[in-house]
Amino acid sequence: MGQSLVILIGSAKIGMRAYFNIRYQNLVQEIGARAVSENIGFGYRAAEALLEAWINSEGHRANIERSYSHFGISVDQDQKGKDYFTNIFTRR
């Protein structure tokens, strides 16, 4: 199921926080998600640096540590080379 979740996120070409409600609705409808949250980040050159920032943030760390059954990770880069990361969590 994790692979399907990543495909759903990537194929929908949905970006950052402004589209969370769209991603939420897609996950509820497509996989029957009962809970959805996400961590987003941009401007980090390495995934390790972003993960460290998420771990050091109370709200982001709470998302990582909650009881979710699935997660997906998406990374995209804009034309200027800026990386955008989304880590989405779901519970079915």
PDB file of N, CA and C in Angstrom:
ATOM      1  N   MET A   1       0.817  -1.197   0.000  1.00  0.00           N
ATOM      2  CA  MET A   1       0.000   0.000   0.000  1.00  0.00           C
ATOM      3  C   MET A   1       0.853   1.250   0.000  1.00  0.00           C
ATOM      4  N   GLY A   2       2.045   1.221   0.634  1.00  0.00           N
ATOM      5  CA  GLY A   2       2.902   2.394   0.668  1.00  0.00           C
ATOM      6  C   GLY A   2       3.249   2.890  -0.714  1.00  0.00           C
ATOM      7  N   GLN A   3       3.543   1.984  -1.631  1.00  0.00           N
ATOM      8  CA  GLN A   3       3.874   2.375  -2.998  1.00  0.00           C
ATOM      9  C   GLN A   3       2.678   3.054  -3.663  1.00  0.00           C
ATOM     10  N   SER A   4       1.488   2.540  -3.470  1.00  0.00           N
ATOM     11  CA  SER A   4       0.288   3.157  -4.041  1.00  0.00           C
ATOM     12  C   SER A   4       0.100   4.568  -3.515  1.00  0.00           C
ATOM     13  N   LEU A   5       0.396   4.777  -2.248  1.00  0.00           N
ATOM     14  CA  LEU A   5       0.252   6.094  -1.649  1.00  0.00           C
ATOM     15  C   LEU A   5       1.215   7.075  -2.302  1.00  0.00           C
ATOM     16  N   VAL A   6       2.452   6.668  -2.512  1.00  0.00           N
ATOM     17  CA  VAL A   6       3.435   7.532  -3.160  1.00  0.00           C
ATOM     18  C   VAL A   6       3.002   7.840  -4.586  1.00  0.00           C
ATOM     19  N   ILE A   7       2.507   6.853  -5.301  1.00  0.00           N
ATOM     20  CA  ILE A   7       2.043   7.066  -6.672  1.00  0.00           C
ATOM     21  C   ILE A   7       0.875   8.044  -6.681  1.00  0.00           C
ATOM     22  N   LEU A   8      -0.056   7.897  -5.748  1.00  0.00           N
ATOM     23  CA  LEU A   8      -1.201   8.802  -5.667  1.00  0.00           C
ATOM     24  C   LEU A   8      -0.739  10.236  -5.458  1.00  0.00           C
ATOM     25  N   ILE A   9       0.194  10.445  -4.563  1.00  0.00           N
ATOM     26  CA  ILE A   9       0.699  11.795  -4.298  1.00  0.00           C
ATOM     27  C   ILE A   9       1.435  12.326  -5.518  1.00  0.00           C
ATOM     28  N   GLY A  10       2.352  11.544  -6.065  1.00  0.00           N
ATOM     29  CA  GLY A  10       3.157  12.003  -7.192  1.00  0.00           C
ATOM     30  C   GLY A  10       2.348  12.227  -8.450  1.00  0.00           C
ATOM     31  N   SER A  11       1.442  11.334  -8.757  1.00  0.00           N
ATOM     32  CA  SER A  11       0.696  11.452 -10.004  1.00  0.00           C
ATOM     33  C   SER A  11      -0.289  12.605  -9.978  1.00  0.00           C
ATOM     34  N   ALA A  12      -0.717  12.985  -8.806  1.00  0.00           N
ATOM     35  CA  ALA A  12      -1.655  14.098  -8.703  1.00  0.00           C
ATOM     36  C   ALA A  12      -0.947  15.443  -8.854  1.00  0.00           C
ATOM     37  N   LYS A  13       0.396  15.439  -8.826  1.00  0.00           N
ATOM     38  CA  LYS A  13       1.179  16.674  -8.966  1.00  0.00           C
ATOM     39  C   LYS A  13       0.727  17.740  -7.986  1.00  0.00           C
ATOM     40  N   ILE A  14       0.518  17.312  -6.752  1.00  0.00           N
ATOM     41  CA  ILE A  14       0.048  18.229  -5.721  1.00  0.00           C
ATOM     42  C   ILE A  14       1.261  18.671  -4.917  1.00  0.00           C
ATOM     43  N   GLY A  15       1.372  19.968  -4.664  1.00  0.00           N
ATOM     44  CA  GLY A  15       2.558  20.525  -4.049  1.00  0.00           C
ATOM     45  C   GLY A  15       2.555  20.589  -2.551  1.00  0.00           C
ATOM     46  N   MET A  16       2.408  21.771  -2.005  1.00  0.00           N
ATOM     47  CA  MET A  16       2.684  22.005  -0.607  1.00  0.00           C
ATOM     48  C   MET A  16       1.411  22.217   0.214  1.00  0.00           C
ATOM     49  N   ARG A  17       1.542  22.932   1.302  1.00  0.00           N
ATOM     50  CA  ARG A  17       0.501  23.081   2.304  1.00  0.00           C
ATOM     51  C   ARG A  17      -0.843  23.559   1.750  1.00  0.00           C
ATOM     52  N   ALA A  18      -0.843  24.446   0.773  1.00  0.00           N
ATOM     53  CA  ALA A  18      -2.095  24.992   0.251  1.00  0.00           C
ATOM     54  C   ALA A  18      -3.005  23.904  -0.294  1.00  0.00           C
ATOM     55  N   TYR A  19      -2.446  22.768  -0.654  1.00  0.00           N
ATOM     56  CA  TYR A  19      -3.238  21.693  -1.249  1.00  0.00           C
ATOM     57  C   TYR A  19      -3.471  20.523  -0.294  1.00  0.00           C
ATOM     58  N   PHE A  20      -3.223  20.716   1.000  1.00  0.00           N
ATOM     59  CA  PHE A  20      -3.412  19.622   1.948  1.00  0.00           C
ATOM     60  C   PHE A  20      -4.840  19.080   1.903  1.00  0.00           C
ATOM     61  N   ASN A  21      -5.835  19.945   1.825  1.00  0.00           N
ATOM     62  CA  ASN A  21      -7.225  19.473   1.805  1.00  0.00           C
ATOM     63  C   ASN A  21      -7.501  18.588   0.609  1.00  0.00           C
ATOM     64  N   ILE A  22      -6.898  18.894  -0.527  1.00  0.00           N
ATOM     65  CA  ILE A  22      -7.061  18.050  -1.713  1.00  0.00           C
ATOM     66  C   ILE A  22      -6.413  16.691  -1.478  1.00  0.00           C
ATOM     67  N   ARG A  23      -5.195  16.692  -0.945  1.00  0.00           N
ATOM     68  CA  ARG A  23      -4.511  15.421  -0.660  1.00  0.00           C
ATOM     69  C   ARG A  23      -5.315  14.624   0.368  1.00  0.00           C
ATOM     70  N   TYR A  24      -5.805  15.307   1.386  1.00  0.00           N
ATOM     71  CA  TYR A  24      -6.594  14.639   2.424  1.00  0.00           C
ATOM     72  C   TYR A  24      -7.809  13.941   1.805  1.00  0.00           C
ATOM     73  N   GLN A  25      -8.570  14.674   1.017  1.00  0.00           N
ATOM     74  CA  GLN A  25      -9.764  14.099   0.380  1.00  0.00           C
ATOM     75  C   GLN A  25      -9.406  12.933  -0.535  1.00  0.00           C
ATOM     76  N   ASN A  26      -8.333  13.053  -1.309  1.00  0.00           N
ATOM     77  CA  ASN A  26      -7.891  11.955  -2.174  1.00  0.00           C
ATOM     78  C   ASN A  26      -7.581  10.703  -1.361  1.00  0.00           C
ATOM     79  N   LEU A  27      -6.894  10.864  -0.253  1.00  0.00           N
ATOM     80  CA  LEU A  27      -6.516   9.713   0.566  1.00  0.00           C
ATOM     81  C   LEU A  27      -7.721   9.091   1.261  1.00  0.00           C
ATOM     82  N   VAL A  28      -8.662   9.893   1.682  1.00  0.00           N
ATOM     83  CA  VAL A  28      -9.893   9.365   2.273  1.00  0.00           C
ATOM     84  C   VAL A  28     -10.663   8.560   1.228  1.00  0.00           C
ATOM     85  N   GLN A  29     -10.811   9.112   0.051  1.00  0.00           N
ATOM     86  CA  GLN A  29     -11.593   8.455  -0.999  1.00  0.00           C
ATOM     87  C   GLN A  29     -10.880   7.248  -1.603  1.00  0.00           C
ATOM     88  N   GLU A  30      -9.584   7.362  -1.859  1.00  0.00           N
ATOM     89  CA  GLU A  30      -8.862   6.315  -2.587  1.00  0.00           C
ATOM     90  C   GLU A  30      -8.421   5.138  -1.723  1.00  0.00           C
ATOM     91  N   ILE A  31      -8.008   5.404  -0.492  1.00  0.00           N
ATOM     92  CA  ILE A  31      -7.510   4.297   0.336  1.00  0.00           C
ATOM     93  C   ILE A  31      -8.270   4.149   1.651  1.00  0.00           C
ATOM     94  N   GLY A  32      -9.291   4.969   1.857  1.00  0.00           N
ATOM     95  CA  GLY A  32     -10.078   4.872   3.081  1.00  0.00           C
ATOM     96  C   GLY A  32      -9.359   5.378   4.316  1.00  0.00           C
ATOM     97  N   ALA A  33      -8.503   6.365   4.152  1.00  0.00           N
ATOM     98  CA  ALA A  33      -7.766   6.922   5.295  1.00  0.00           C
ATOM     99  C   ALA A  33      -8.738   7.484   6.319  1.00  0.00           C
ATOM    100  N   ARG A  34      -8.451   7.225   7.581  1.00  0.00           N
ATOM    101  CA  ARG A  34      -9.264   7.757   8.675  1.00  0.00           C
ATOM    102  C   ARG A  34      -8.573   8.920   9.366  1.00  0.00           C
ATOM    103  N   ALA A  35      -7.264   9.028   9.183  1.00  0.00           N
ATOM    104  CA  ALA A  35      -6.492  10.146   9.735  1.00  0.00           C
ATOM    105  C   ALA A  35      -5.374  10.462   8.755  1.00  0.00           C
ATOM    106  N   VAL A  36      -5.091  11.744   8.572  1.00  0.00           N
ATOM    107  CA  VAL A  36      -4.049  12.183   7.642  1.00  0.00           C
ATOM    108  C   VAL A  36      -3.343  13.390   8.247  1.00  0.00           C
ATOM    109  N   SER A  37      -2.030  13.397   8.197  1.00  0.00           N
ATOM    110  CA  SER A  37      -1.259  14.588   8.534  1.00  0.00           C
ATOM    111  C   SER A  37      -0.016  14.602   7.659  1.00  0.00           C
ATOM    112  N   GLU A  38       0.699  15.715   7.690  1.00  0.00           N
ATOM    113  CA  GLU A  38       1.874  15.796   6.837  1.00  0.00           C
ATOM    114  C   GLU A  38       2.915  16.732   7.430  1.00  0.00           C
ATOM    115  N   ASN A  39       4.144  16.501   7.027  1.00  0.00           N
ATOM    116  CA  ASN A  39       5.247  17.414   7.269  1.00  0.00           C
ATOM    117  C   ASN A  39       5.719  17.893   5.908  1.00  0.00           C
ATOM    118  N   ILE A  40       5.950  19.179   5.782  1.00  0.00           N
ATOM    119  CA  ILE A  40       6.463  19.726   4.535  1.00  0.00           C
ATOM    120  C   ILE A  40       7.720  20.530   4.835  1.00  0.00           C
ATOM    121  N   GLY A  41       8.549  20.682   3.832  1.00  0.00           N
ATOM    122  CA  GLY A  41       9.756  21.478   3.987  1.00  0.00           C
ATOM    123  C   GLY A  41      10.306  21.865   2.635  1.00  0.00           C
ATOM    124  N   PHE A  42      11.037  22.960   2.615  1.00  0.00           N
ATOM    125  CA  PHE A  42      11.685  23.379   1.381  1.00  0.00           C
ATOM    126  C   PHE A  42      12.930  24.182   1.719  1.00  0.00           C
ATOM    127  N   GLY A  43      13.839  24.230   0.772  1.00  0.00           N
ATOM    128  CA  GLY A  43      15.062  24.986   0.963  1.00  0.00           C
ATOM    129  C   GLY A  43      16.196  24.177   1.565  1.00  0.00           C
ATOM    130  N   TYR A  44      15.957  22.947   1.941  1.00  0.00           N
ATOM    131  CA  TYR A  44      17.013  22.084   2.468  1.00  0.00           C
ATOM    132  C   TYR A  44      17.701  21.387   1.305  1.00  0.00           C
ATOM    133  N   ARG A  45      19.014  21.312   1.339  1.00  0.00           N
ATOM    134  CA  ARG A  45      19.774  20.664   0.263  1.00  0.00           C
ATOM    135  C   ARG A  45      19.919  19.169   0.494  1.00  0.00           C
ATOM    136  N   ALA A  46      19.676  18.721   1.719  1.00  0.00           N
ATOM    137  CA  ALA A  46      19.820  17.300   2.025  1.00  0.00           C
ATOM    138  C   ALA A  46      18.645  16.850   2.883  1.00  0.00           C
ATOM    139  N   ALA A  47      18.168  15.653   2.594  1.00  0.00           N
ATOM    140  CA  ALA A  47      17.049  15.090   3.356  1.00  0.00           C
ATOM    141  C   ALA A  47      17.412  14.943   4.834  1.00  0.00           C
ATOM    142  N   GLU A  48      18.666  14.626   5.129  1.00  0.00           N
ATOM    143  CA  GLU A  48      19.092  14.467   6.518  1.00  0.00           C
ATOM    144  C   GLU A  48      18.896  15.760   7.313  1.00  0.00           C
ATOM    145  N   ALA A  49      19.209  16.905   6.707  1.00  0.00           N
ATOM    146  CA  ALA A  49      19.046  18.192   7.391  1.00  0.00           C
ATOM    147  C   ALA A  49      17.572  18.486   7.656  1.00  0.00           C
ATOM    148  N   LEU A  50      16.735  18.166   6.685  1.00  0.00           N
ATOM    149  CA  LEU A  50      15.299  18.389   6.868  1.00  0.00           C
ATOM    150  C   LEU A  50      14.749  17.473   7.950  1.00  0.00           C
ATOM    151  N   LEU A  51      15.129  16.209   7.934  1.00  0.00           N
ATOM    152  CA  LEU A  51      14.658  15.279   8.967  1.00  0.00           C
ATOM    153  C   LEU A  51      15.092  15.754  10.349  1.00  0.00           C
ATOM    154  N   GLU A  52      16.305  16.234  10.480  1.00  0.00           N
ATOM    155  CA  GLU A  52      16.772  16.756  11.766  1.00  0.00           C
ATOM    156  C   GLU A  52      15.908  17.947  12.211  1.00  0.00           C
ATOM    157  N   ALA A  53      15.559  18.822  11.271  1.00  0.00           N
ATOM    158  CA  ALA A  53      14.698  19.964  11.599  1.00  0.00           C
ATOM    159  C   ALA A  53      13.320  19.484  12.049  1.00  0.00           C
ATOM    160  N   TRP A  54      12.759  18.487  11.367  1.00  0.00           N
ATOM    161  CA  TRP A  54      11.463  17.952  11.762  1.00  0.00           C
ATOM    162  C   TRP A  54      11.530  17.337  13.157  1.00  0.00           C
ATOM    163  N   ILE A  55      12.580  16.589  13.446  1.00  0.00           N
ATOM    164  CA  ILE A  55      12.729  15.951  14.755  1.00  0.00           C
ATOM    165  C   ILE A  55      12.836  17.006  15.856  1.00  0.00           C
ATOM    166  N   ASN A  56      13.483  18.124  15.549  1.00  0.00           N
ATOM    167  CA  ASN A  56      13.655  19.191  16.545  1.00  0.00           C
ATOM    168  C   ASN A  56      12.432  20.102  16.672  1.00  0.00           C
ATOM    169  N   SER A  57      11.416  19.891  15.855  1.00  0.00           N
ATOM    170  CA  SER A  57      10.177  20.660  15.909  1.00  0.00           C
ATOM    171  C   SER A  57       9.108  19.808  16.597  1.00  0.00           C
ATOM    172  N   GLU A  58       8.531  20.337  17.666  1.00  0.00           N
ATOM    173  CA  GLU A  58       7.552  19.567  18.437  1.00  0.00           C
ATOM    174  C   GLU A  58       6.396  19.046  17.573  1.00  0.00           C
ATOM    175  N   GLY A  59       5.812  19.919  16.743  1.00  0.00           N
ATOM    176  CA  GLY A  59       4.672  19.515  15.922  1.00  0.00           C
ATOM    177  C   GLY A  59       5.035  18.510  14.845  1.00  0.00           C
ATOM    178  N   HIS A  60       6.162  18.726  14.180  1.00  0.00           N
ATOM    179  CA  HIS A  60       6.602  17.783  13.140  1.00  0.00           C
ATOM    180  C   HIS A  60       6.971  16.431  13.745  1.00  0.00           C
ATOM    181  N   ARG A  61       7.668  16.471  14.879  1.00  0.00           N
ATOM    182  CA  ARG A  61       8.043  15.223  15.551  1.00  0.00           C
ATOM    183  C   ARG A  61       6.798  14.450  15.984  1.00  0.00           C
ATOM    184  N   ALA A  62       5.771  15.166  16.445  1.00  0.00           N
ATOM    185  CA  ALA A  62       4.522  14.499  16.851  1.00  0.00           C
ATOM    186  C   ALA A  62       3.906  13.749  15.667  1.00  0.00           C
ATOM    187  N   ASN A  63       3.942  14.351  14.488  1.00  0.00           N
ATOM    188  CA  ASN A  63       3.426  13.647  13.302  1.00  0.00           C
ATOM    189  C   ASN A  63       4.199  12.362  13.051  1.00  0.00           C
ATOM    190  N   ILE A  64       5.512  12.420  13.169  1.00  0.00           N
ATOM    191  CA  ILE A  64       6.354  11.244  12.925  1.00  0.00           C
ATOM    192  C   ILE A  64       6.087  10.153  13.948  1.00  0.00           C
ATOM    193  N   GLU A  65       5.852  10.542  15.195  1.00  0.00           N
ATOM    194  CA  GLU A  65       5.723   9.565  16.279  1.00  0.00           C
ATOM    195  C   GLU A  65       4.305   9.057  16.513  1.00  0.00           C
ATOM    196  N   ARG A  66       3.307   9.677  15.894  1.00  0.00           N
ATOM    197  CA  ARG A  66       1.925   9.208  16.082  1.00  0.00           C
ATOM    198  C   ARG A  66       1.746   7.818  15.490  1.00  0.00           C
ATOM    199  N   SER A  67       0.635   7.231  15.824  1.00  0.00           N
ATOM    200  CA  SER A  67       0.331   5.879  15.375  1.00  0.00           C
ATOM    201  C   SER A  67      -0.365   5.910  14.015  1.00  0.00           C
ATOM    202  N   TYR A  68       0.424   5.933  12.953  1.00  0.00           N
ATOM    203  CA  TYR A  68      -0.101   5.872  11.590  1.00  0.00           C
ATOM    204  C   TYR A  68       0.240   4.519  10.995  1.00  0.00           C
ATOM    205  N   SER A  69      -0.564   4.073  10.057  1.00  0.00           N
ATOM    206  CA  SER A  69      -0.322   2.774   9.437  1.00  0.00           C
ATOM    207  C   SER A  69       0.461   2.868   8.131  1.00  0.00           C
ATOM    208  N   HIS A  70       0.473   4.050   7.495  1.00  0.00           N
ATOM    209  CA  HIS A  70       1.150   4.218   6.205  1.00  0.00           C
ATOM    210  C   HIS A  70       1.773   5.607   6.120  1.00  0.00           C
ATOM    211  N   PHE A  71       2.786   5.717   5.298  1.00  0.00           N
ATOM    212  CA  PHE A  71       3.345   7.042   5.021  1.00  0.00           C
ATOM    213  C   PHE A  71       3.894   7.060   3.607  1.00  0.00           C
ATOM    214  N   GLY A  72       4.027   8.247   3.064  1.00  0.00           N
ATOM    215  CA  GLY A  72       4.606   8.436   1.739  1.00  0.00           C
ATOM    216  C   GLY A  72       5.518   9.646   1.762  1.00  0.00           C
ATOM    217  N   ILE A  73       6.537   9.609   0.931  1.00  0.00           N
ATOM    218  CA  ILE A  73       7.486  10.708   0.840  1.00  0.00           C
ATOM    219  C   ILE A  73       7.561  11.147  -0.614  1.00  0.00           C
ATOM    220  N   SER A  74       7.525  12.450  -0.811  1.00  0.00           N
ATOM    221  CA  SER A  74       7.614  13.012  -2.147  1.00  0.00           C
ATOM    222  C   SER A  74       8.649  14.134  -2.128  1.00  0.00           C
ATOM    223  N   VAL A  75       9.490  14.171  -3.142  1.00  0.00           N
ATOM    224  CA  VAL A  75      10.467  15.241  -3.297  1.00  0.00           C
ATOM    225  C   VAL A  75      10.346  15.757  -4.717  1.00  0.00           C
ATOM    226  N   ASP A  76      10.268  17.067  -4.842  1.00  0.00           N
ATOM    227  CA  ASP A  76      10.202  17.684  -6.163  1.00  0.00           C
ATOM    228  C   ASP A  76      11.142  18.875  -6.161  1.00  0.00           C
ATOM    229  N   GLN A  77      11.584  19.254  -7.331  1.00  0.00           N
ATOM    230  CA  GLN A  77      12.504  20.374  -7.460  1.00  0.00           C
ATOM    231  C   GLN A  77      11.943  21.361  -8.468  1.00  0.00           C
ATOM    232  N   ASP A  78      11.968  22.650  -8.110  1.00  0.00           N
ATOM    233  CA  ASP A  78      11.472  23.654  -9.046  1.00  0.00           C
ATOM    234  C   ASP A  78      12.554  23.998 -10.085  1.00  0.00           C
ATOM    235  N   GLN A  79      12.224  24.881 -11.000  1.00  0.00           N
ATOM    236  CA  GLN A  79      13.138  25.224 -12.091  1.00  0.00           C
ATOM    237  C   GLN A  79      14.412  25.893 -11.613  1.00  0.00           C
ATOM    238  N   LYS A  80      14.377  26.449 -10.403  1.00  0.00           N
ATOM    239  CA  LYS A  80      15.559  27.103  -9.844  1.00  0.00           C
ATOM    240  C   LYS A  80      16.404  26.151  -9.001  1.00  0.00           C
ATOM    241  N   GLY A  81      15.978  24.890  -8.913  1.00  0.00           N
ATOM    242  CA  GLY A  81      16.734  23.902  -8.166  1.00  0.00           C
ATOM    243  C   GLY A  81      16.377  23.801  -6.694  1.00  0.00           C
ATOM    244  N   LYS A  82      15.305  24.458  -6.276  1.00  0.00           N
ATOM    245  CA  LYS A  82      14.866  24.411  -4.879  1.00  0.00           C
ATOM    246  C   LYS A  82      14.075  23.125  -4.646  1.00  0.00           C
ATOM    247  N   ASP A  83      14.468  22.371  -3.621  1.00  0.00           N
ATOM    248  CA  ASP A  83      13.803  21.106  -3.306  1.00  0.00           C
ATOM    249  C   ASP A  83      12.600  21.337  -2.402  1.00  0.00           C
ATOM    250  N   TYR A  84      11.519  20.611  -2.668  1.00  0.00           N
ATOM    251  CA  TYR A  84      10.299  20.629  -1.872  1.00  0.00           C
ATOM    252  C   TYR A  84      10.030  19.201  -1.412  1.00  0.00           C
ATOM    253  N   PHE A  85       9.865  19.031  -0.104  1.00  0.00           N
ATOM    254  CA  PHE A  85       9.669  17.713   0.489  1.00  0.00           C
ATOM    255  C   PHE A  85       8.289  17.645   1.136  1.00  0.00           C
ATOM    256  N   THR A  86       7.619  16.516   0.953  1.00  0.00           N
ATOM    257  CA  THR A  86       6.366  16.246   1.652  1.00  0.00           C
ATOM    258  C   THR A  86       6.449  14.840   2.237  1.00  0.00           C
ATOM    259  N   ASN A  87       6.159  14.727   3.509  1.00  0.00           N
ATOM    260  CA  ASN A  87       6.056  13.433   4.176  1.00  0.00           C
ATOM    261  C   ASN A  87       4.635  13.358   4.703  1.00  0.00           C
ATOM    262  N   ILE A  88       3.830  12.473   4.135  1.00  0.00           N
ATOM    263  CA  ILE A  88       2.412  12.403   4.503  1.00  0.00           C
ATOM    264  C   ILE A  88       2.164  11.093   5.260  1.00  0.00           C
ATOM    265  N   PHE A  89       1.327  11.169   6.265  1.00  0.00           N
ATOM    266  CA  PHE A  89       1.052  10.041   7.151  1.00  0.00           C
ATOM    267  C   PHE A  89      -0.438   9.748   7.120  1.00  0.00           C
ATOM    268  N   THR A  90      -0.791   8.472   7.079  1.00  0.00           N
ATOM    269  CA  THR A  90      -2.215   8.101   7.106  1.00  0.00           C
ATOM    270  C   THR A  90      -2.441   6.924   8.049  1.00  0.00           C
ATOM    271  N   ARG A  91      -3.662   6.848   8.501  1.00  0.00           N
ATOM    272  CA  ARG A  91      -4.118   5.695   9.281  1.00  0.00           C
ATOM    273  C   ARG A  91      -5.392   5.209   8.637  1.00  0.00           C
ATOM    274  N   ARG A  92      -5.487   3.921   8.444  1.00  0.00           N
ATOM    275  CA  ARG A  92      -6.676   3.325   7.843  1.00  0.00           C
ATOM    276  C   ARG A  92      -7.504   2.615   8.883  1.00  0.00           C
TER     277      ARG A  92
END
